[in-house]
Structure formats: structure tokens, C-alpha cells
N, C-alpha and C. Protein backbone atom coordinates (compact mmCIF):
# COMPACT_ATOMS: atom_id res chain seq x y z
N MET A 1 1.03 -1.19 0.18
CA MET A 1 0.09 0.08 -0.13
C MET A 1 0.78 1.29 0.12
N ARG A 2 0.56 2.39 -0.93
CA ARG A 2 1.24 3.47 -1.06
C ARG A 2 0.53 4.78 -1.09
N ASP A 3 0.52 5.81 -0.38
CA ASP A 3 0.00 6.80 0.13
C ASP A 3 0.97 7.86 -1.00
N PHE A 4 0.04 8.83 -2.00
CA PHE A 4 0.60 9.80 -2.48
C PHE A 4 -0.42 10.80 -3.13
N LEU A 5 0.41 11.87 -3.78
CA LEU A 5 -0.90 12.85 -3.85
C LEU A 5 -1.24 12.89 -5.54
N ASP A 6 -2.15 13.20 -6.05
CA ASP A 6 -2.37 13.20 -7.38
C ASP A 6 -1.81 14.56 -7.99
N SER A 7 -2.21 14.91 -8.90
CA SER A 7 -1.98 16.12 -9.77
C SER A 7 -2.54 17.58 -9.32
N ASP A 8 -3.62 17.35 -8.22
CA ASP A 8 -4.69 17.78 -7.79
C ASP A 8 -3.88 18.25 -6.08
N GLY A 9 -3.34 17.66 -5.87
CA GLY A 9 -2.79 17.53 -4.60
C GLY A 9 -3.75 16.81 -3.47
N ASP A 10 -4.59 16.47 -4.01
CA ASP A 10 -5.47 15.35 -3.47
C ASP A 10 -5.19 14.21 -2.80
N ALA A 11 -5.11 13.44 -1.82
CA ALA A 11 -4.53 12.44 -1.30
C ALA A 11 -5.19 11.05 -1.55
N TRP A 12 -4.24 10.71 -2.08
CA TRP A 12 -4.73 8.95 -2.68
C TRP A 12 -3.94 7.54 -2.36
N VAL A 13 -4.46 6.63 -2.15
CA VAL A 13 -3.94 5.22 -1.74
C VAL A 13 -3.93 4.41 -3.10
N ALA A 14 -2.63 3.42 -2.92
CA ALA A 14 -2.15 2.81 -3.90
C ALA A 14 -1.93 1.43 -3.28
N THR A 15 -2.99 0.42 -3.93
CA THR A 15 -3.09 -0.95 -3.31
C THR A 15 -3.47 -1.87 -4.31
N VAL A 16 -2.95 -3.37 -3.76
CA VAL A 16 -3.18 -4.00 -4.34
C VAL A 16 -4.52 -4.83 -4.25
N ARG A 17 -5.16 -5.20 -5.41
CA ARG A 17 -6.62 -6.01 -4.87
C ARG A 17 -6.24 -7.42 -5.52
N SER A 18 -6.95 -8.30 -5.32
CA SER A 18 -7.02 -10.14 -5.64
C SER A 18 -8.55 -10.17 -6.55
N ARG A 19 -8.47 -11.15 -7.21
CA ARG A 19 -9.76 -11.69 -7.54
C ARG A 19 -9.71 -13.13 -7.20
N GLU A 20 -10.55 -13.73 -6.82
CA GLU A 20 -10.95 -15.33 -6.70
C GLU A 20 -11.08 -16.03 -7.71
N GLY A 21 -10.78 -17.04 -7.20
CA GLY A 21 -11.01 -18.12 -8.88
C GLY A 21 -9.77 -19.21 -8.97
N LEU A 22 -10.13 -20.12 -10.11
CA LEU A 22 -8.83 -21.06 -9.93
C LEU A 22 -7.74 -20.27 -11.00
N ASP A 23 -7.60 -19.28 -11.61
CA ASP A 23 -6.82 -18.91 -12.65
C ASP A 23 -5.81 -17.80 -11.97
N PHE A 24 -4.60 -18.26 -11.81
CA PHE A 24 -3.95 -17.37 -10.86
C PHE A 24 -3.21 -16.49 -11.34
N LYS A 25 -3.05 -16.96 -12.77
CA LYS A 25 -2.27 -15.82 -13.43
C LYS A 25 -2.45 -14.44 -13.72
N GLY A 26 -1.96 -13.29 -13.47
CA GLY A 26 -2.40 -12.05 -13.23
C GLY A 26 -3.71 -11.84 -12.46
N ARG A 27 -3.55 -12.61 -11.38
CA ARG A 27 -5.12 -12.73 -10.26
C ARG A 27 -4.85 -11.08 -9.54
N HIS A 28 -3.74 -10.95 -8.95
CA HIS A 28 -3.82 -9.43 -8.26
C HIS A 28 -3.27 -8.13 -9.33
N HIS A 29 -4.34 -6.95 -9.30
CA HIS A 29 -3.86 -5.90 -9.89
C HIS A 29 -3.77 -4.75 -9.43
N LEU A 30 -3.87 -3.91 -9.73
CA LEU A 30 -3.52 -2.54 -9.33
C LEU A 30 -4.93 -1.52 -8.78
N TYR A 31 -5.11 -0.93 -7.32
CA TYR A 31 -6.20 0.00 -7.29
C TYR A 31 -5.98 1.19 -6.49
N PHE A 32 -6.71 2.06 -7.07
CA PHE A 32 -6.40 3.27 -6.32
C PHE A 32 -8.11 3.80 -5.45
N TYR A 33 -7.81 4.41 -4.08
CA TYR A 33 -8.64 4.87 -4.12
C TYR A 33 -8.25 6.31 -2.99
N PRO A 34 -9.63 7.17 -3.14
CA PRO A 34 -8.94 8.87 -2.34
C PRO A 34 -8.97 7.94 -0.85
N GLU A 35 -7.87 8.92 -0.13
CA GLU A 35 -7.67 8.44 1.12
C GLU A 35 -9.08 8.73 1.98
N GLY A 36 -9.47 7.40 2.49
CA GLY A 36 -10.61 7.75 3.54
C GLY A 36 -11.97 7.12 3.05
N ALA A 37 -11.68 6.83 1.49
CA ALA A 37 -12.86 6.24 1.01
C ALA A 37 -12.39 5.39 -0.24
N ALA A 38 -12.14 4.08 0.49
CA ALA A 38 -11.71 2.34 -0.23
C ALA A 38 -12.88 2.14 -0.95
N ASP A 39 -13.80 2.53 -0.72
CA ASP A 39 -15.00 1.76 -1.53
C ASP A 39 -15.18 2.71 -2.73
N GLN A 40 -14.56 3.45 -2.99
CA GLN A 40 -14.61 4.91 -3.76
C GLN A 40 -13.84 4.75 -5.00
N GLY A 41 -12.66 3.70 -5.02
CA GLY A 41 -11.72 3.65 -6.01
C GLY A 41 -11.91 3.26 -7.53
N VAL A 42 -10.55 3.27 -7.80
CA VAL A 42 -11.14 2.81 -9.17
C VAL A 42 -9.76 1.82 -9.55
N GLU A 43 -9.98 0.61 -10.43
CA GLU A 43 -9.13 -0.39 -10.63
C GLU A 43 -8.27 -0.11 -12.37
N LEU A 44 -6.94 -0.57 -12.16
CA LEU A 44 -6.42 -0.44 -13.21
C LEU A 44 -5.91 -2.33 -13.56
N LEU A 45 -6.86 -2.67 -14.30
CA LEU A 45 -6.49 -4.18 -14.44
C LEU A 45 -6.08 -4.61 -15.78
N ASP A 46 -4.86 -3.46 -15.78
CA ASP A 46 -4.05 -3.64 -17.24
C ASP A 46 -2.29 -3.95 -16.41
N VAL A 47 -2.29 -3.68 -15.00
CA VAL A 47 -1.02 -3.98 -14.27
C VAL A 47 -1.60 -4.94 -13.46
N LYS A 48 -0.94 -5.96 -13.68
CA LYS A 48 -1.50 -7.20 -12.99
C LYS A 48 -0.03 -8.48 -12.28
N TRP A 49 -0.10 -9.00 -11.62
CA TRP A 49 0.57 -9.77 -10.41
C TRP A 49 0.50 -11.24 -10.39
N ASN A 50 1.40 -11.73 -10.71
CA ASN A 50 0.91 -13.43 -10.17
C ASN A 50 0.95 -13.65 -8.55
N SER A 51 1.78 -12.78 -7.92
CA SER A 51 1.74 -13.29 -6.69
C SER A 51 1.13 -11.86 -5.75
N HIS A 52 0.86 -11.94 -4.10
CA HIS A 52 0.67 -10.79 -3.55
C HIS A 52 2.06 -10.14 -3.59
N GLN A 53 3.12 -10.80 -3.11
CA GLN A 53 4.21 -10.34 -2.55
C GLN A 53 5.00 -9.53 -3.69
N ALA A 54 4.83 -10.22 -5.17
CA ALA A 54 5.37 -9.40 -6.18
C ALA A 54 4.44 -7.88 -6.47
N ALA A 55 3.20 -8.28 -6.09
CA ALA A 55 2.69 -7.18 -6.29
C ALA A 55 3.20 -5.85 -5.03
N GLU A 56 3.33 -6.30 -4.27
CA GLU A 56 3.62 -5.02 -2.92
C GLU A 56 4.94 -4.88 -3.31
N SER A 57 6.02 -5.71 -3.62
CA SER A 57 7.29 -5.05 -4.12
C SER A 57 7.65 -4.47 -5.06
N THR A 58 6.65 -4.25 -6.14
CA THR A 58 6.65 -3.07 -7.01
C THR A 58 6.11 -2.61 -7.08
N LEU A 59 4.88 -2.36 -6.11
CA LEU A 59 4.24 -1.07 -5.68
C LEU A 59 5.13 -0.15 -4.93
N ALA A 60 5.82 -0.67 -3.74
CA ALA A 60 6.39 -0.20 -3.09
C ALA A 60 8.33 0.60 -3.88
N THR A 61 8.03 0.10 -5.37
CA THR A 61 9.13 0.61 -5.86
C THR A 61 8.78 1.72 -6.95
N MET A 62 7.59 2.11 -7.11
CA MET A 62 6.89 3.20 -8.02
C MET A 62 6.98 4.44 -7.24
N SER A 63 7.45 4.89 -8.36
CA SER A 63 7.84 6.39 -8.11
C SER A 63 6.31 7.39 -8.07
N GLY A 64 6.07 8.83 -7.19
CA GLY A 64 4.79 9.13 -7.60
C GLY A 64 4.33 9.60 -8.86
N VAL A 65 5.45 10.16 -9.53
CA VAL A 65 5.11 10.47 -11.08
C VAL A 65 4.52 9.20 -11.64
N GLU A 66 4.79 7.86 -11.65
CA GLU A 66 4.36 6.73 -12.02
C GLU A 66 3.10 6.48 -11.49
N LEU A 67 2.64 6.45 -10.26
CA LEU A 67 1.34 6.24 -9.72
C LEU A 67 0.44 7.30 -10.08
N ARG A 68 0.94 8.78 -10.25
CA ARG A 68 -0.33 9.59 -10.85
C ARG A 68 -0.36 9.33 -12.20
N LYS A 69 0.62 8.66 -13.45
CA LYS A 69 -0.01 8.50 -14.68
C LYS A 69 -0.61 7.40 -14.13
N ARG A 70 -0.37 6.13 -13.41
CA ARG A 70 -1.51 5.03 -13.69
C ARG A 70 -2.99 5.29 -13.24
N LEU A 71 -2.91 6.15 -12.15
CA LEU A 71 -4.14 6.60 -11.75
C LEU A 71 -5.01 7.59 -12.66
N ARG A 72 -4.42 8.60 -13.38
CA ARG A 72 -4.78 9.08 -14.45
C ARG A 72 -5.31 8.26 -15.50
N SER A 73 -4.48 6.80 -15.79
CA SER A 73 -5.09 6.25 -16.78
C SER A 73 -6.42 5.44 -16.44
N ALA A 74 -6.02 5.16 -15.16
CA ALA A 74 -7.79 4.27 -14.40
C ALA A 74 -8.75 5.33 -14.49
N ARG A 75 -8.49 6.38 -14.17
CA ARG A 75 -9.53 7.20 -13.96
C ARG A 75 -10.61 7.93 -15.15
N GLY A 76 -9.00 7.81 -16.22
CA GLY A 76 -9.87 8.38 -17.47
C GLY A 76 -10.96 6.75 -18.27
N ARG A 77 -10.34 6.07 -17.67
CA ARG A 77 -11.10 4.71 -18.46
C ARG A 77 -12.83 4.66 -17.61
N VAL A 78 -12.47 5.20 -16.64
CA VAL A 78 -14.16 5.17 -16.02
C VAL A 78 -14.76 6.38 -15.92
N ASP A 79 -14.24 7.47 -16.26
CA ASP A 79 -15.10 9.03 -16.75
C ASP A 79 -14.95 8.97 -18.24
N GLY A 80 -14.16 8.52 -18.93
CA GLY A 80 -14.56 8.52 -20.31
C GLY A 80 -15.02 7.81 -21.02
């Protein structure tokens, strides 16, 4: 889980969500939500991992610029 500010200065959280089922390949994906509103987030299903550990490790190394870019992409798909 990573806290960061979007391009407007609003606080967001980037985390990992997992899907249930027998298909383990790409089961874990990136999820963003406004701080304090975990149920109002957006998924980015293009960013997938095979294990939760790999997802958390990658998320920990992502820069703020990368997180803002990915958030913008996820929000654009929902709004557009």
C-alpha cells in the first residue's frame, strides 16, 4: 500500500486487489482510492501480478510520478 498525492494535491492510496478463482495468472491488480474512501476507488486491470508479494514489492518501488500516471489512466477509463 502506498499513499501519494495526485496532480491536484489530493491524497490517494495505491494498493493491490485480488480476484478469486482458479486462474492464478494475473490474479492481483492495481487499485486506487481516495484517502479514507476505499469503496470509491478505481481498478487498473492492465497492471497485474501473479503473487501478492510481487505486487507489493513492485508497488513499493513505484515513483509518485508513475503512480499519478497510472491513476490518471484508471480514472480516464471510468470517466471517459
